[in-house]
Amino acid sequence: MLGQLVRLTAVTLSLVAAASTAHADVCLAIDDARDTLPASDRAAALRLLTRQFESEGERVVPAGCTSTYTVFHTQLGDIVLVSLSGPKGQREGTAFGTADLPAVYSQMVRSLLTGRAMSDTKVVDRTNVTASQASAKRVHSDSLWYARLGYGSLFGDKAYATPALGFGYRAELNSFGVDVSFLNVQFPAKSDYSYGSSNAAAGSFLKLSGLYFLNPKADRTTYLGAGMSYGHRGFGQWGNVAGGYYSSQWEGSGLQGELTAGYEFARVTSLRLFVQADAILPFYEVTSQTISRAGRVTSTDRRYAPSLVLSLGIGR
């Protein structure tokens, strides 16, 4: 029993000794020949860097160490470039002003000691995000509200000519754009819904689509797009069927796929003009019912009814 206790004590002491030597003493120095910070700031920078090494479990000593890390700063206006090198490699970082240096030091020291890249999530955390990382770089986008007016065709039991209009909002990046439009309506050329009359109407209540501009930096460019919408369409007429039966108009509603091709003018101005063709391809079929005199539905017919619209738009 005594022998086991002795062996356990020896193992414990060896582990403690190994842990104490796992982190060798570290010395820090500033390369005065290349450092451009004022002398007063250099001393403060060295203290901040010392604190970062100590927070990572390293012991920093003034002399007699086995590992020496050298740092220098290059300052240009509010930008400070930092270079830190030592036995485990070299790291470089950018600070926006001296107030940003502690966060840069933290990432550089942690990156060197762990061997991970500066961008690694094990290196960057909520406590050491730099000013440049916090201010995300964003791409400027042009945005405009627009209205469209044109003409189209609804293809059902025959082709129906329909005036068309629509409204929307468009946000454009260099090559890509997002288009949100609403009240895109193909309405009858005549508003006659009496018994036996033949009319057609269609509409997209809300449409979401993406656009791709073929020549994004030019004043005018062709663009292509695709998206989805929710809409309704109806056409045809109530009419008599042999044997005293009646047939209803064709109607249906649901999700629709939409394909777009257009040409946009005056892109360098705040007033945009464009010509656009839209193909509306429903994911549903319209139906027409045959109804008896007693009001009983005896049969239901189905038909696919796409439509095509050509319009001129103006936006600002």
Protein backbone atom coordinates (compact mmCIF):
# COMPACT_ATOMS: atom_id res chain seq x y z
CA MET A 1 0.00 0.00 0.00
CA LEU A 2 2.84 2.36 0.90
CA GLY A 3 4.58 1.54 -2.38
CA GLN A 4 1.48 2.40 -4.40
CA LEU A 5 1.18 5.73 -2.58
CA VAL A 6 4.81 6.55 -3.34
CA ARG A 7 4.39 5.73 -7.02
CA LEU A 8 1.20 7.84 -7.20
CA THR A 9 2.99 10.77 -5.59
CA ALA A 10 5.87 10.46 -8.05
CA VAL A 11 3.51 10.43 -11.03
CA THR A 12 1.67 13.47 -9.70
CA LEU A 13 4.89 15.40 -9.20
CA SER A 14 6.07 14.52 -12.70
CA LEU A 15 2.80 15.73 -14.20
CA VAL A 16 3.04 18.98 -12.27
CA ALA A 17 6.62 19.44 -13.45
CA ALA A 18 5.62 18.74 -17.03
CA ALA A 19 2.77 21.24 -16.79
CA SER A 20 5.06 23.88 -15.36
CA THR A 21 7.51 23.47 -18.23
CA ALA A 22 4.85 23.25 -20.92
CA HIS A 23 4.99 27.02 -21.33
CA ALA A 24 8.53 28.28 -21.61
CA ASP A 25 9.34 31.81 -20.50
CA VAL A 26 8.79 34.44 -23.19
CA CYS A 27 10.64 37.67 -23.87
CA LEU A 28 9.14 40.55 -25.88
CA ALA A 29 11.00 43.26 -27.79
CA ILE A 30 10.19 46.12 -30.17
CA ASP A 31 12.20 46.49 -33.37
CA ASP A 32 13.16 50.13 -32.89
CA ALA A 33 14.79 50.34 -36.33
CA ARG A 34 11.50 49.66 -38.11
CA ASP A 35 8.89 50.80 -35.60
CA THR A 36 7.27 54.20 -36.39
CA LEU A 37 5.22 54.68 -33.22
CA PRO A 38 6.25 57.50 -30.87
CA ALA A 39 8.55 56.38 -28.04
CA SER A 40 5.82 56.88 -25.45
CA ASP A 41 3.41 54.68 -27.41
CA ARG A 42 6.00 51.92 -27.84
CA ALA A 43 6.23 51.32 -24.10
CA ALA A 44 2.45 51.17 -23.82
CA ALA A 45 2.26 48.82 -26.80
CA LEU A 46 4.78 46.49 -25.19
CA ARG A 47 2.72 46.38 -21.98
CA LEU A 48 -0.45 45.60 -23.92
CA LEU A 49 1.31 42.83 -25.84
CA THR A 50 2.66 41.41 -22.58
CA ARG A 51 -0.85 41.22 -21.18
CA GLN A 52 -2.07 39.31 -24.25
CA PHE A 53 0.69 36.69 -23.92
CA GLU A 54 -0.05 36.29 -20.22
CA SER A 55 -3.80 35.90 -20.90
CA GLU A 56 -2.90 32.96 -23.16
CA GLY A 57 -0.99 31.26 -20.32
CA GLU A 58 2.55 32.37 -21.20
CA ARG A 59 4.95 33.86 -18.63
CA VAL A 60 6.69 36.99 -19.91
CA VAL A 61 10.07 37.79 -18.35
CA PRO A 62 12.49 40.67 -19.04
CA ALA A 63 15.51 38.42 -19.70
CA GLY A 64 16.85 34.87 -19.60
CA CYS A 65 14.06 33.39 -21.70
CA THR A 66 14.15 30.68 -24.36
CA SER A 67 11.61 32.33 -26.72
CA THR A 68 11.75 35.92 -27.94
CA TYR A 69 9.00 37.64 -29.96
CA THR A 70 9.67 40.86 -31.80
CA VAL A 71 7.02 43.38 -32.83
CA PHE A 72 7.08 46.56 -34.90
CA HIS A 73 4.41 49.00 -36.06
CA THR A 74 4.06 51.00 -39.27
CA GLN A 75 1.67 53.93 -38.84
CA LEU A 76 0.07 55.78 -41.75
CA GLY A 77 -2.58 58.22 -40.62
CA ASP A 78 -5.17 56.30 -38.61
CA ILE A 79 -3.98 52.93 -39.92
CA VAL A 80 -1.39 50.94 -37.96
CA LEU A 81 0.18 47.87 -39.53
CA VAL A 82 1.49 45.41 -36.94
CA SER A 83 4.04 42.64 -37.50
CA LEU A 84 4.79 40.06 -34.79
CA SER A 85 7.38 37.32 -35.28
CA GLY A 86 9.00 34.67 -33.09
CA PRO A 87 9.84 30.98 -32.76
CA LYS A 88 6.35 29.90 -33.87
CA GLY A 89 6.16 32.03 -36.98
CA GLN A 90 5.03 35.48 -38.04
CA ARG A 91 1.66 37.22 -38.09
CA GLU A 92 0.53 40.57 -39.47
CA GLY A 93 -2.53 42.62 -38.61
CA THR A 94 -4.14 46.01 -39.26
CA ALA A 95 -5.48 48.34 -36.58
CA PHE A 96 -7.69 51.39 -37.15
CA GLY A 97 -5.97 53.67 -34.65
CA THR A 98 -4.02 52.77 -31.53
CA ALA A 99 -7.25 52.03 -29.65
CA ASP A 100 -7.69 49.02 -31.94
CA LEU A 101 -4.26 47.54 -31.08
CA PRO A 102 -5.36 45.34 -28.11
CA ALA A 103 -7.80 43.41 -30.33
CA VAL A 104 -5.15 42.99 -33.04
CA TYR A 105 -2.57 41.81 -30.47
CA SER A 106 -5.06 39.29 -29.07
CA GLN A 107 -5.70 37.71 -32.46
CA MET A 108 -2.01 37.66 -33.44
CA VAL A 109 -0.82 36.10 -30.17
CA ARG A 110 -3.59 33.50 -30.12
CA SER A 111 -2.92 32.68 -33.77
CA LEU A 112 0.82 32.21 -33.18
CA LEU A 113 0.48 30.09 -30.05
CA THR A 114 -2.24 27.81 -31.45
CA GLY A 115 -0.92 27.62 -35.01
CA ARG A 116 -4.31 28.62 -36.40
CA ALA A 117 -5.01 31.18 -39.10
CA MET A 118 -5.91 34.73 -38.08
CA SER A 119 -9.42 34.27 -39.55
CA ASP A 120 -10.12 31.06 -37.63
CA THR A 121 -13.15 31.14 -35.33
CA LYS A 122 -10.94 29.76 -32.56
CA VAL A 123 -8.85 32.93 -32.87
CA VAL A 124 -11.50 35.63 -33.38
CA ASP A 125 -14.24 35.87 -30.76
CA ARG A 126 -16.58 38.52 -29.36
CA THR A 127 -13.83 39.95 -27.15
CA ASN A 128 -11.24 40.74 -29.83
CA VAL A 129 -13.12 41.80 -32.96
CA THR A 130 -11.24 44.64 -34.66
CA ALA A 131 -12.79 47.80 -36.03
CA SER A 132 -12.25 46.67 -39.62
CA GLN A 133 -13.98 43.34 -38.91
CA ALA A 134 -16.88 45.03 -37.13
CA SER A 135 -17.57 47.40 -40.03
CA ALA A 136 -18.72 44.98 -42.72
CA LYS A 137 -17.96 46.05 -46.27
CA ARG A 138 -21.19 46.40 -48.24
CA VAL A 139 -21.80 46.75 -51.95
CA HIS A 140 -23.79 49.82 -52.98
CA SER A 141 -27.14 49.07 -54.60
CA ASP A 142 -29.48 51.21 -56.72
CA SER A 143 -33.15 51.01 -55.84
CA LEU A 144 -36.26 52.31 -57.55
CA TRP A 145 -40.03 52.13 -57.47
CA TYR A 146 -41.59 51.61 -60.87
CA ALA A 147 -44.81 51.25 -62.82
CA ARG A 148 -45.38 49.24 -65.99
CA LEU A 149 -47.98 49.50 -68.74
CA GLY A 150 -48.30 47.23 -71.75
CA TYR A 151 -50.21 44.55 -73.57
CA GLY A 152 -50.36 40.78 -73.32
CA SER A 153 -52.04 37.54 -74.30
CA LEU A 154 -53.71 34.90 -72.15
CA PHE A 155 -53.70 31.50 -73.84
CA GLY A 156 -56.71 29.39 -72.93
CA ASP A 157 -59.38 27.94 -75.20
CA LYS A 158 -58.10 30.69 -77.53
CA ALA A 159 -55.67 33.60 -77.30
CA TYR A 160 -57.13 36.59 -75.46
CA ALA A 161 -55.59 40.04 -75.97
CA THR A 162 -55.34 41.84 -72.63
CA PRO A 163 -54.06 45.27 -71.58
CA ALA A 164 -51.62 44.93 -68.66
CA LEU A 165 -50.17 47.02 -65.86
CA GLY A 166 -48.07 46.46 -62.78
CA PHE A 167 -46.13 48.12 -59.95
CA GLY A 168 -42.97 47.13 -58.11
CA TYR A 169 -39.70 47.82 -56.35
CA ARG A 170 -36.28 46.88 -57.70
CA ALA A 171 -32.88 46.82 -55.97
CA GLU A 172 -29.91 46.50 -58.33
CA LEU A 173 -26.33 45.50 -57.56
CA ASN A 174 -23.64 45.44 -60.23
CA SER A 175 -24.72 42.24 -61.95
CA PHE A 176 -27.69 41.07 -59.93
CA GLY A 177 -30.97 42.56 -58.83
CA VAL A 178 -34.00 41.69 -56.73
CA ASP A 179 -37.46 42.59 -58.01
CA VAL A 180 -40.61 42.64 -55.85
CA SER A 181 -43.75 43.50 -57.81
CA PHE A 182 -47.45 43.53 -57.03
CA LEU A 183 -50.82 44.09 -58.69
CA ASN A 184 -49.52 42.80 -62.01
CA VAL A 185 -52.85 42.63 -63.83
CA GLN A 186 -54.00 41.54 -67.27
CA PHE A 187 -57.55 42.87 -67.46
CA PRO A 188 -60.31 42.54 -70.07
CA ALA A 189 -60.35 44.91 -72.99
CA LYS A 190 -64.09 45.23 -72.34
CA SER A 191 -65.75 44.91 -68.94
CA ASP A 192 -68.71 42.79 -69.96
CA TYR A 193 -69.36 39.85 -67.65
CA SER A 194 -72.96 39.24 -68.76
CA TYR A 195 -74.24 35.78 -69.56
CA GLY A 196 -72.80 34.49 -72.83
CA SER A 197 -70.03 37.08 -73.05
CA SER A 198 -66.40 36.02 -73.47
CA ASN A 199 -63.73 37.76 -71.39
CA ALA A 200 -60.28 37.07 -69.99
CA ALA A 201 -58.35 38.39 -66.99
CA ALA A 202 -55.23 37.35 -65.11
CA GLY A 203 -53.03 38.74 -62.39
CA SER A 204 -50.09 38.19 -60.07
CA PHE A 205 -50.88 39.56 -56.63
CA LEU A 206 -47.25 39.31 -55.49
CA LYS A 207 -44.14 38.39 -57.46
CA LEU A 208 -40.57 37.80 -56.22
CA SER A 209 -37.80 37.41 -58.79
CA GLY A 210 -34.06 37.71 -59.32
CA LEU A 211 -32.47 39.57 -62.24
CA TYR A 212 -29.12 39.24 -63.96
CA PHE A 213 -27.70 42.20 -65.94
CA LEU A 214 -25.53 41.17 -68.87
CA ASN A 215 -23.60 44.46 -69.07
CA PRO A 216 -23.86 45.81 -65.51
CA LYS A 217 -21.54 48.85 -65.82
CA ALA A 218 -23.11 50.22 -69.00
CA ASP A 219 -25.73 52.95 -69.27
CA ARG A 220 -28.06 50.42 -70.92
CA THR A 221 -28.13 46.65 -70.68
CA THR A 222 -30.13 43.53 -71.37
CA TYR A 223 -31.27 41.58 -68.31
CA LEU A 224 -32.78 38.18 -67.64
CA GLY A 225 -34.74 37.01 -64.65
CA ALA A 226 -36.79 34.27 -63.05
CA GLY A 227 -39.09 34.14 -60.05
CA MET A 228 -42.35 33.01 -58.53
CA SER A 229 -45.71 34.65 -57.93
CA TYR A 230 -49.18 33.95 -56.63
CA GLY A 231 -51.94 34.73 -59.07
CA HIS A 232 -55.33 34.07 -60.62
CA ARG A 233 -56.65 33.70 -64.16
CA GLY A 234 -60.04 33.29 -65.73
CA PHE A 235 -61.47 33.35 -69.25
CA GLY A 236 -64.26 32.09 -71.45
CA GLN A 237 -68.00 32.40 -70.92
CA TRP A 238 -71.00 30.89 -69.30
CA GLY A 239 -72.89 29.06 -72.01
CA ASN A 240 -75.48 26.46 -72.86
CA VAL A 241 -74.59 22.82 -73.34
CA ALA A 242 -76.82 20.32 -75.13
CA GLY A 243 -79.46 18.73 -72.93
CA GLY A 244 -80.13 21.73 -70.73
CA TYR A 245 -76.70 21.85 -69.08
CA TYR A 246 -74.52 24.92 -68.57
CA SER A 247 -70.75 25.36 -68.66
CA SER A 248 -68.90 27.80 -66.39
CA GLN A 249 -65.99 30.06 -67.22
CA TRP A 250 -62.46 28.69 -66.90
CA GLU A 251 -60.84 29.77 -63.61
CA GLY A 252 -57.92 28.89 -61.36
CA SER A 253 -55.41 30.34 -58.90
CA GLY A 254 -52.13 29.33 -57.22
CA LEU A 255 -48.37 29.57 -57.50
CA GLN A 256 -46.82 30.56 -60.82
CA GLY A 257 -43.35 30.51 -62.31
CA GLU A 258 -42.30 33.67 -64.16
CA LEU A 259 -39.53 34.22 -66.70
CA THR A 260 -38.37 37.74 -67.56
CA ALA A 261 -36.30 39.31 -70.32
CA GLY A 262 -35.80 43.06 -70.60
CA TYR A 263 -33.68 45.99 -71.68
CA GLU A 264 -32.98 48.88 -69.31
CA PHE A 265 -32.08 52.43 -70.36
CA ALA A 266 -30.49 55.44 -68.63
CA ARG A 267 -28.89 53.46 -65.80
CA VAL A 268 -26.53 56.33 -64.94
CA THR A 269 -29.47 58.59 -64.08
CA SER A 270 -32.02 58.45 -61.27
CA LEU A 271 -34.84 58.00 -63.80
CA ARG A 272 -34.92 54.51 -65.33
CA LEU A 273 -36.75 53.28 -68.42
CA PHE A 274 -37.08 49.65 -69.41
CA VAL A 275 -38.86 47.38 -71.84
CA GLN A 276 -39.76 43.99 -70.39
CA ALA A 277 -41.32 40.73 -71.54
CA ASP A 278 -42.76 38.33 -68.95
CA ALA A 279 -43.89 34.75 -69.47
CA ILE A 280 -46.25 33.59 -66.70
CA LEU A 281 -46.31 29.80 -66.33
CA PRO A 282 -48.87 28.60 -63.76
CA PHE A 283 -48.17 25.56 -61.59
CA TYR A 284 -51.90 24.78 -61.75
CA GLU A 285 -54.64 24.22 -64.31
CA VAL A 286 -57.81 26.24 -64.75
CA THR A 287 -61.12 24.38 -64.56
CA SER A 288 -64.55 24.69 -66.14
CA GLN A 289 -67.59 22.91 -64.72
CA THR A 290 -70.63 21.52 -66.48
CA ILE A 291 -73.72 22.14 -64.33
CA SER A 292 -77.23 20.76 -64.65
CA ARG A 293 -80.42 22.84 -64.36
CA ALA A 294 -80.72 21.56 -60.81
CA GLY A 295 -77.31 23.07 -59.98
CA ARG A 296 -75.45 19.76 -59.79
CA VAL A 297 -71.88 19.64 -61.14
CA THR A 298 -71.75 16.78 -63.60
CA SER A 299 -68.20 17.13 -64.94
CA THR A 300 -65.05 19.22 -64.58
CA ASP A 301 -62.70 19.99 -67.44
CA ARG A 302 -59.10 21.18 -66.97
CA ARG A 303 -56.81 23.22 -69.15
CA TYR A 304 -53.34 24.81 -68.92
CA ALA A 305 -53.37 28.60 -69.44
CA PRO A 306 -50.03 30.48 -69.61
CA SER A 307 -49.77 34.13 -70.55
CA LEU A 308 -47.28 36.55 -72.05
CA VAL A 309 -46.94 40.30 -71.34
CA LEU A 310 -44.85 42.97 -73.08
CA SER A 311 -44.65 46.26 -71.17
CA LEU A 312 -42.85 49.59 -70.91
CA GLY A 313 -41.75 50.61 -67.41
CA ILE A 314 -40.55 53.79 -65.74
CA GLY A 315 -38.95 54.01 -62.31
CA ARG A 316 -37.25 56.42 -59.96
